[in-house]
């Protein structure tokens, strides 16, 4: 295989100046809201041990980037942020403060197939609330993510909420074992409604329960969920009551119109074992982010504490955010040797007033007309007439 000089590794992308600028603006807005909500920003290493983070993360082994260090230990480029942050919290931060609220803006890495066309490196921003097992923690992170989407002016944002534990319990009442439930899970994660319908015959669902089973894929409200809840089952009735309380909190925060309660929704991240949710917005055909409760992940680090959080995909947010007008004051000042000081002083004054100003030594520009055409305002201190 011959690699061309300008070719990039599979799934890697360059961020050109316009995209890099938009990402910087997005990061500033998002992290500001996190910090205002009491979350401290954290950065974890790009490389982690495969035996810990690699195996614990919900990312398939074939999607991990692996390499060996000088001691022969297998390392991975971090495939997600929840697992590394759980590691840090379990080893240090929870001993000092609990619950702990942590936010991040970081890149993650997932190997892609050649025909997939998806990025192998992308940025995520999100939060983890560790040490709180209450529904108020779940409500907090959902509301916080919604606040970020609103600040970024994502149009028609909506939230889909499900409950993995409750769905698991209901599927068992259809007479399914763990192996059969996994088949259902695979169909639901891939949002393959045709495959889900086919499972009715394959799993030998009792005839009197077929329509009820098919309806799982069509629930939109918590009222819809009632048909599957066994009130004599304390686990199911308790979880359902928690969902009703969550709904009231979400409604009080003005999000009722944007939320769908889908009992069939399951996250592809297998460490989410309780409440799960996903965010969408106009302009992107993919989820903007997802989150949920991952108490079980903390057990793998030896802690019996609650944990919930979310992550938003920056590349998909860029697709969904409303295009903003470029700065009205985008100024170019052209100067020559004799006017360098004057140009510098003029630029400083304009920048102090909030303008974006580019200083350029005129003789160094080969195609002057094409270059000046890139700016909204051109100030010539090079002896030529103003453009």
Protein backbone atom coordinates (compact mmCIF):
# COMPACT_ATOMS: atom_id res chain seq x y z
CA UNK A 1 0.00 0.00 0.00
CA UNK A 2 1.43 3.35 -1.06
CA UNK A 3 0.58 6.28 1.21
CA UNK A 4 0.34 9.66 -0.50
CA UNK A 5 2.06 12.62 1.13
CA UNK A 6 -1.21 14.42 1.96
CA UNK A 7 -3.20 11.34 2.96
CA UNK A 8 -4.48 11.02 6.54
CA UNK A 9 -5.03 7.84 8.58
CA UNK A 10 -8.49 6.28 8.21
CA UNK A 11 -11.16 8.33 9.97
CA UNK A 12 -8.89 11.27 10.82
CA UNK A 13 -9.81 14.80 9.72
CA UNK A 14 -8.25 18.23 9.51
CA UNK A 15 -10.05 21.15 11.13
CA UNK A 16 -9.72 24.14 8.82
CA UNK A 17 -9.74 27.63 10.38
CA UNK A 18 -13.50 28.21 10.08
CA UNK A 19 -14.33 24.91 11.84
CA UNK A 20 -11.60 25.41 14.45
CA UNK A 21 -13.08 28.84 15.24
CA UNK A 22 -16.59 27.41 15.60
CA UNK A 23 -15.31 24.65 17.89
CA UNK A 24 -13.54 27.20 20.10
CA UNK A 25 -16.77 29.22 20.42
CA UNK A 26 -18.76 26.09 21.16
CA UNK A 27 -16.29 24.96 23.79
CA UNK A 28 -16.32 28.34 25.51
CA UNK A 29 -20.12 28.46 25.70
CA UNK A 30 -20.55 24.85 26.79
CA UNK A 31 -17.88 24.78 29.49
CA UNK A 32 -19.07 28.12 30.87
CA UNK A 33 -22.53 26.66 31.49
CA UNK A 34 -21.02 23.55 33.11
CA UNK A 35 -18.95 25.66 35.48
CA UNK A 36 -21.88 27.90 36.33
CA UNK A 37 -23.75 24.74 37.37
CA UNK A 38 -20.97 23.79 39.80
CA UNK A 39 -18.96 21.38 37.61
CA UNK A 40 -15.16 21.44 37.72
CA UNK A 41 -13.36 20.80 34.44
CA UNK A 42 -11.10 17.76 34.28
CA UNK A 43 -8.63 16.46 31.69
CA UNK A 44 -7.58 12.80 31.61
CA UNK A 45 -4.64 11.25 29.69
CA UNK A 46 -5.02 10.42 26.02
CA UNK A 47 -3.50 7.00 26.74
CA UNK A 48 -4.97 4.55 29.25
CA UNK A 49 -4.23 0.94 30.18
CA UNK A 50 -6.15 -1.62 28.13
CA UNK A 51 -6.59 -3.85 31.20
CA UNK A 52 -8.55 -1.11 32.98
CA UNK A 53 -10.19 1.46 30.73
CA UNK A 54 -10.00 -0.61 27.53
CA UNK A 55 -11.89 -3.55 28.98
CA UNK A 56 -14.27 -1.55 31.17
CA UNK A 57 -15.43 0.88 28.48
CA UNK A 58 -18.53 -0.05 26.49
CA UNK A 59 -16.66 0.29 23.19
CA UNK A 60 -16.12 -2.99 21.25
CA UNK A 61 -12.58 -4.32 21.35
CA UNK A 62 -12.22 -4.07 17.57
CA UNK A 63 -12.87 -0.32 17.78
CA UNK A 64 -10.01 0.34 20.21
CA UNK A 65 -6.69 1.83 19.11
CA UNK A 66 -4.04 -0.28 20.86
CA UNK A 67 -0.29 0.10 21.25
CA UNK A 68 2.50 -1.17 23.50
CA UNK A 69 4.58 0.96 25.85
CA UNK A 70 8.28 0.38 26.53
CA UNK A 71 7.42 -2.05 29.37
CA UNK A 72 5.27 -4.19 27.10
CA UNK A 73 1.96 -3.07 28.62
CA UNK A 74 -0.96 -2.71 26.23
CA UNK A 75 -2.34 0.82 26.07
CA UNK A 76 -5.40 2.28 24.34
CA UNK A 77 -6.25 5.73 23.07
CA UNK A 78 -9.19 6.67 25.30
CA UNK A 79 -12.39 5.46 23.59
CA UNK A 80 -14.77 7.41 25.83
CA UNK A 81 -14.62 9.87 28.72
CA UNK A 82 -16.95 8.31 31.29
CA UNK A 83 -14.64 5.39 32.14
CA UNK A 84 -11.47 7.50 32.67
CA UNK A 85 -13.37 10.04 34.77
CA UNK A 86 -14.88 7.22 36.85
CA UNK A 87 -11.31 5.95 37.40
CA UNK A 88 -10.09 9.36 38.59
CA UNK A 89 -13.11 9.90 40.81
CA UNK A 90 -12.81 6.47 42.40
CA UNK A 91 -9.08 6.75 43.03
CA UNK A 92 -8.87 10.31 44.35
CA UNK A 93 -11.68 12.81 44.12
CA UNK A 94 -14.45 10.92 45.93
CA UNK A 95 -12.20 10.66 48.98
CA UNK A 96 -12.14 14.45 49.16
CA UNK A 97 -15.68 15.35 48.10
CA UNK A 98 -18.85 13.42 47.43
CA UNK A 99 -20.93 13.89 45.37
CA UNK A 100 -18.42 15.21 42.87
CA UNK A 101 -19.35 17.14 39.71
CA UNK A 102 -16.89 16.96 36.82
CA UNK A 103 -17.05 18.42 33.33
CA UNK A 104 -14.85 17.90 30.29
CA UNK A 105 -14.12 18.82 26.69
CA UNK A 106 -11.83 16.19 25.20
CA UNK A 107 -11.15 14.12 22.10
CA UNK A 108 -11.83 10.37 21.99
CA UNK A 109 -10.71 7.70 19.53
CA UNK A 110 -12.60 4.80 17.93
CA UNK A 111 -11.23 2.80 15.02
CA UNK A 112 -13.54 2.72 11.98
CA UNK A 113 -14.02 0.42 9.02
CA UNK A 114 -12.82 1.77 5.68
CA UNK A 115 -16.33 1.82 4.26
CA UNK A 116 -17.83 3.41 7.39
CA UNK A 117 -16.98 7.01 6.59
CA UNK A 118 -17.14 8.01 10.25
CA UNK A 119 -14.53 9.96 12.23
CA UNK A 120 -12.04 7.92 14.24
CA UNK A 121 -11.22 10.95 16.39
CA UNK A 122 -13.82 13.43 17.61
CA UNK A 123 -14.40 15.79 20.51
CA UNK A 124 -16.96 15.31 23.23
CA UNK A 125 -18.08 17.62 25.97
CA UNK A 126 -20.15 16.60 28.91
CA UNK A 127 -20.42 16.06 32.65
CA UNK A 128 -20.37 13.28 35.21
CA UNK A 129 -22.19 13.56 38.54
CA UNK A 130 -20.73 10.85 40.77
CA UNK A 131 -21.87 9.95 44.28
CA UNK A 132 -25.57 10.75 43.93
CA UNK A 133 -28.06 7.95 43.24
CA UNK A 134 -31.19 10.13 43.32
CA UNK A 135 -33.51 10.99 40.45
CA UNK A 136 -32.62 14.64 41.12
CA UNK A 137 -29.13 13.94 39.81
CA UNK A 138 -30.58 12.46 36.61
CA UNK A 139 -32.85 15.47 36.21
CA UNK A 140 -29.93 17.83 36.80
CA UNK A 141 -27.77 16.43 34.00
CA UNK A 142 -30.68 16.28 31.52
CA UNK A 143 -31.60 19.90 32.27
CA UNK A 144 -27.94 20.95 32.05
CA UNK A 145 -27.50 19.32 28.64
CA UNK A 146 -30.67 21.05 27.46
CA UNK A 147 -29.32 24.38 28.68
CA UNK A 148 -26.17 23.86 26.61
CA UNK A 149 -28.19 23.01 23.49
CA UNK A 150 -30.29 26.13 24.04
CA UNK A 151 -27.20 28.32 24.48
CA UNK A 152 -25.76 26.89 21.25
CA UNK A 153 -29.07 27.71 19.50
CA UNK A 154 -29.69 24.14 18.39
CA UNK A 155 -33.01 24.22 16.54
CA UNK A 156 -35.85 21.81 17.37
CA UNK A 157 -33.84 20.06 20.08
CA UNK A 158 -35.53 17.05 21.61
CA UNK A 159 -34.77 14.40 24.21
CA UNK A 160 -35.63 10.70 24.19
CA UNK A 161 -35.71 9.06 27.64
CA UNK A 162 -35.87 5.36 28.45
CA UNK A 163 -35.05 3.05 31.35
CA UNK A 164 -32.85 0.01 30.75
CA UNK A 165 -33.54 -1.69 34.08
CA UNK A 166 -37.30 -1.30 33.78
CA UNK A 167 -37.31 -2.58 30.20
CA UNK A 168 -35.22 -5.59 31.23
CA UNK A 169 -37.73 -6.47 33.94
CA UNK A 170 -40.67 -6.14 31.54
CA UNK A 171 -39.00 -8.29 28.88
CA UNK A 172 -38.56 -11.06 31.44
CA UNK A 173 -42.31 -11.01 32.02
CA UNK A 174 -42.71 -11.83 28.33
CA UNK A 175 -40.92 -15.08 29.19
CA UNK A 176 -37.55 -14.13 27.68
CA UNK A 177 -34.22 -15.36 29.06
CA UNK A 178 -31.00 -13.33 29.08
CA UNK A 179 -29.89 -14.62 25.67
CA UNK A 180 -33.23 -13.71 24.09
CA UNK A 181 -33.25 -10.31 25.79
CA UNK A 182 -29.83 -9.63 24.24
CA UNK A 183 -31.31 -10.26 20.77
CA UNK A 184 -34.06 -7.75 21.52
CA UNK A 185 -31.49 -5.30 22.80
CA UNK A 186 -29.43 -5.56 19.60
CA UNK A 187 -32.48 -4.80 17.47
CA UNK A 188 -33.47 -1.84 19.63
CA UNK A 189 -29.95 -0.36 19.80
CA UNK A 190 -29.71 -0.45 16.00
CA UNK A 191 -33.26 0.97 15.79
CA UNK A 192 -34.11 -1.87 13.42
CA UNK A 193 -37.91 -2.00 13.67
CA UNK A 194 -38.14 -4.73 11.00
CA UNK A 195 -35.82 -6.97 12.98
CA UNK A 196 -37.78 -6.20 16.16
CA UNK A 197 -41.01 -7.35 14.47
CA UNK A 198 -39.30 -10.52 13.25
CA UNK A 199 -38.30 -11.40 16.81
CA UNK A 200 -41.95 -11.98 17.71
CA UNK A 201 -41.90 -15.31 15.89
CA UNK A 202 -38.27 -16.15 16.58
CA UNK A 203 -38.69 -15.75 20.34
CA UNK A 204 -42.02 -17.56 20.36
CA UNK A 205 -43.88 -14.77 22.17
CA UNK A 206 -47.20 -16.07 23.48
CA UNK A 207 -50.01 -15.19 21.07
CA UNK A 208 -51.95 -13.21 23.65
CA UNK A 209 -48.85 -11.05 24.29
CA UNK A 210 -47.77 -10.40 20.67
CA UNK A 211 -49.52 -7.04 20.26
CA UNK A 212 -48.30 -5.89 23.65
CA UNK A 213 -44.73 -6.83 22.73
CA UNK A 214 -44.91 -4.99 19.38
CA UNK A 215 -46.30 -1.90 21.12
CA UNK A 216 -43.05 -1.59 23.13
CA UNK A 217 -41.54 0.00 20.04
CA UNK A 218 -44.23 2.67 19.88
CA UNK A 219 -44.34 4.19 23.38
CA UNK A 220 -44.11 7.99 23.51
CA UNK A 221 -45.33 8.98 26.99
CA UNK A 222 -45.13 7.63 30.52
CA UNK A 223 -48.88 7.06 30.29
CA UNK A 224 -48.07 4.58 27.49
CA UNK A 225 -45.73 2.73 29.83
CA UNK A 226 -48.50 1.89 32.31
CA UNK A 227 -49.77 -1.01 30.18
CA UNK A 228 -46.57 -2.97 30.88
CA UNK A 229 -46.06 -2.06 34.54
CA UNK A 230 -46.89 -4.79 37.04
CA UNK A 231 -47.98 -2.80 40.09
CA UNK A 232 -47.64 -5.93 42.23
CA UNK A 233 -43.94 -5.99 41.37
CA UNK A 234 -42.28 -3.54 43.81
CA UNK A 235 -39.24 -3.07 41.58
CA UNK A 236 -41.29 -2.13 38.52
CA UNK A 237 -43.78 0.04 40.38
CA UNK A 238 -40.97 1.79 42.27
CA UNK A 239 -39.01 2.58 39.11
CA UNK A 240 -42.15 3.81 37.38
CA UNK A 241 -42.95 6.13 40.29
CA UNK A 242 -39.43 7.52 40.02
CA UNK A 243 -40.03 8.22 36.32
CA UNK A 244 -43.24 10.09 37.13
CA UNK A 245 -41.35 12.27 39.61
CA UNK A 246 -38.64 12.90 37.01
CA UNK A 247 -41.31 13.96 34.51
CA UNK A 248 -42.64 16.57 36.95
CA UNK A 249 -39.16 18.05 37.42
CA UNK A 250 -38.55 18.16 33.68
CA UNK A 251 -41.94 19.76 33.07
CA UNK A 252 -41.27 22.43 35.72
CA UNK A 253 -38.13 23.36 33.80
CA UNK A 254 -40.03 23.95 30.58
CA UNK A 255 -38.88 20.85 28.70
CA UNK A 256 -42.16 18.89 28.47
CA UNK A 257 -42.67 19.70 24.78
CA UNK A 258 -39.23 18.44 23.79
CA UNK A 259 -39.21 15.11 25.69
CA UNK A 260 -40.34 11.69 24.44
CA UNK A 261 -40.52 8.76 26.88
CA UNK A 262 -39.64 5.69 24.82
CA UNK A 263 -39.53 2.47 26.85
CA UNK A 264 -37.85 0.66 23.94
CA UNK A 265 -34.92 3.08 23.86
CA UNK A 266 -31.60 1.47 24.85
CA UNK A 267 -28.18 3.09 24.62
CA UNK A 268 -25.36 1.39 22.72
CA UNK A 269 -23.17 2.10 25.77
CA UNK A 270 -23.63 -1.07 27.81
CA UNK A 271 -22.54 0.41 31.15
CA UNK A 272 -25.79 2.41 31.29
CA UNK A 273 -28.04 0.17 33.37
CA UNK A 274 -30.76 2.55 34.60
CA UNK A 275 -32.19 5.74 33.16
CA UNK A 276 -30.89 6.46 29.63
CA UNK A 277 -31.41 9.40 27.30
CA UNK A 278 -30.38 10.76 23.92
CA UNK A 279 -30.40 14.27 22.42
CA UNK A 280 -31.40 15.27 18.89
CA UNK A 281 -31.60 18.48 16.88
CA UNK A 282 -32.52 19.66 13.41
CA UNK A 283 -29.61 19.60 10.97
CA UNK A 284 -28.01 16.34 12.10
CA UNK A 285 -29.23 12.88 11.17
CA UNK A 286 -27.47 11.38 14.18
CA UNK A 287 -27.94 11.81 17.95
CA UNK A 288 -26.13 14.90 19.24
CA UNK A 289 -25.23 13.05 22.41
CA UNK A 290 -26.40 10.60 25.00
CA UNK A 291 -26.19 9.80 28.67
CA UNK A 292 -27.61 7.88 31.55
CA UNK A 293 -27.04 6.24 34.91
CA UNK A 294 -24.03 3.95 35.25
CA UNK A 295 -23.93 2.86 38.89
CA UNK A 296 -22.63 -0.55 37.78
CA UNK A 297 -19.51 0.96 36.24
CA UNK A 298 -18.52 2.42 39.60
CA UNK A 299 -18.72 -1.06 41.14
CA UNK A 300 -15.94 -2.14 38.81
CA UNK A 301 -13.75 0.45 40.53
CA UNK A 302 -14.75 -0.92 43.93
CA UNK A 303 -17.31 1.77 44.82
CA UNK A 304 -20.99 1.34 45.66
CA UNK A 305 -22.09 4.85 44.61
CA UNK A 306 -24.53 6.31 42.12
CA UNK A 307 -23.33 8.02 38.96
CA UNK A 308 -24.96 9.72 36.00
CA UNK A 309 -23.87 12.00 33.18
CA UNK A 310 -23.96 12.84 29.49
CA UNK A 311 -21.66 13.43 26.54
CA UNK A 312 -22.33 15.63 23.48
CA UNK A 313 -20.64 15.05 20.11
CA UNK A 314 -19.02 18.30 18.99
CA UNK A 315 -18.94 17.39 15.29
CA UNK A 316 -22.68 16.73 15.32
CA UNK A 317 -23.38 19.88 17.30
CA UNK A 318 -21.66 21.85 14.54
CA UNK A 319 -24.15 20.38 12.08
CA UNK A 320 -27.10 21.34 14.25
CA UNK A 321 -26.27 24.82 15.52
CA UNK A 322 -27.78 27.80 13.74
CA UNK A 323 -25.25 29.51 11.44
CA UNK A 324 -24.27 32.82 12.96
CA UNK A 325 -23.31 35.89 11.00
CA UNK A 326 -19.61 36.50 10.89
CA UNK A 327 -18.31 39.41 12.91
CA UNK A 328 -19.33 42.70 11.31
CA UNK A 329 -15.95 44.20 12.16
CA UNK A 330 -13.47 41.99 10.26
CA UNK A 331 -10.71 44.44 9.41
CA UNK A 332 -7.47 44.23 7.44
CA UNK A 333 -4.79 46.88 7.94
CA UNK A 334 -2.12 46.90 5.22
CA UNK A 335 1.12 48.63 6.13
CA UNK A 336 4.61 49.27 4.82
CA UNK A 337 7.83 49.79 6.75
CA UNK A 338 7.21 53.51 7.27
CA UNK A 339 3.69 53.00 8.69
CA UNK A 340 4.28 49.93 10.86
CA UNK A 341 3.95 51.76 14.19
CA UNK A 342 0.87 53.66 13.06
CA UNK A 343 -0.74 50.41 11.88
CA UNK A 344 0.05 48.68 15.17
CA UNK A 345 -1.51 51.49 17.22
CA UNK A 346 -4.61 51.58 15.02
CA UNK A 347 -5.02 47.81 15.33
CA UNK A 348 -4.72 47.93 19.13
CA UNK A 349 -7.39 50.64 19.34
CA UNK A 350 -9.80 48.71 17.11
CA UNK A 351 -9.21 45.45 18.98
CA UNK A 352 -9.91 47.19 22.28
CA UNK A 353 -13.35 48.03 20.87
CA UNK A 354 -14.00 44.36 20.10
CA UNK A 355 -13.06 44.27 16.43
CA UNK A 356 -11.17 41.41 14.77
CA UNK A 357 -8.14 42.99 13.11
CA UNK A 358 -5.47 41.44 10.89
CA UNK A 359 -2.19 43.31 10.45
CA UNK A 360 -0.40 42.56 7.19
CA UNK A 361 2.88 43.84 5.71
CA UNK A 362 1.73 44.73 2.20
CA UNK A 363 4.90 43.89 0.18
CA UNK A 364 4.70 40.27 1.46
CA UNK A 365 1.36 39.65 -0.26
CA UNK A 366 1.65 38.34 -3.81
CA UNK A 367 -2.01 38.55 -4.90
CA UNK A 368 -3.10 41.72 -3.12
CA UNK A 369 -6.58 42.08 -4.66
CA UNK A 370 -7.55 38.47 -3.93
CA UNK A 371 -6.23 38.75 -0.38
CA UNK A 372 -8.03 42.00 0.46
CA UNK A 373 -11.25 40.53 -0.93
CA UNK A 374 -11.37 38.18 2.09
CA UNK A 375 -12.06 41.06 4.51
CA UNK A 376 -15.11 43.23 5.16
CA UNK A 377 -13.04 46.38 5.67
CA UNK A 378 -9.57 47.20 4.36
CA UNK A 379 -7.47 50.05 5.73
CA UNK A 380 -4.43 50.85 3.62
CA UNK A 381 -1.46 52.46 5.31
CA UNK A 382 0.75 51.48 2.37
CA UNK A 383 0.34 54.61 0.25
CA UNK A 384 -2.43 53.05 -1.90
CA UNK A 385 -6.03 54.30 -1.93
CA UNK A 386 -8.45 52.77 0.55
CA UNK A 387 -10.48 49.75 -0.71
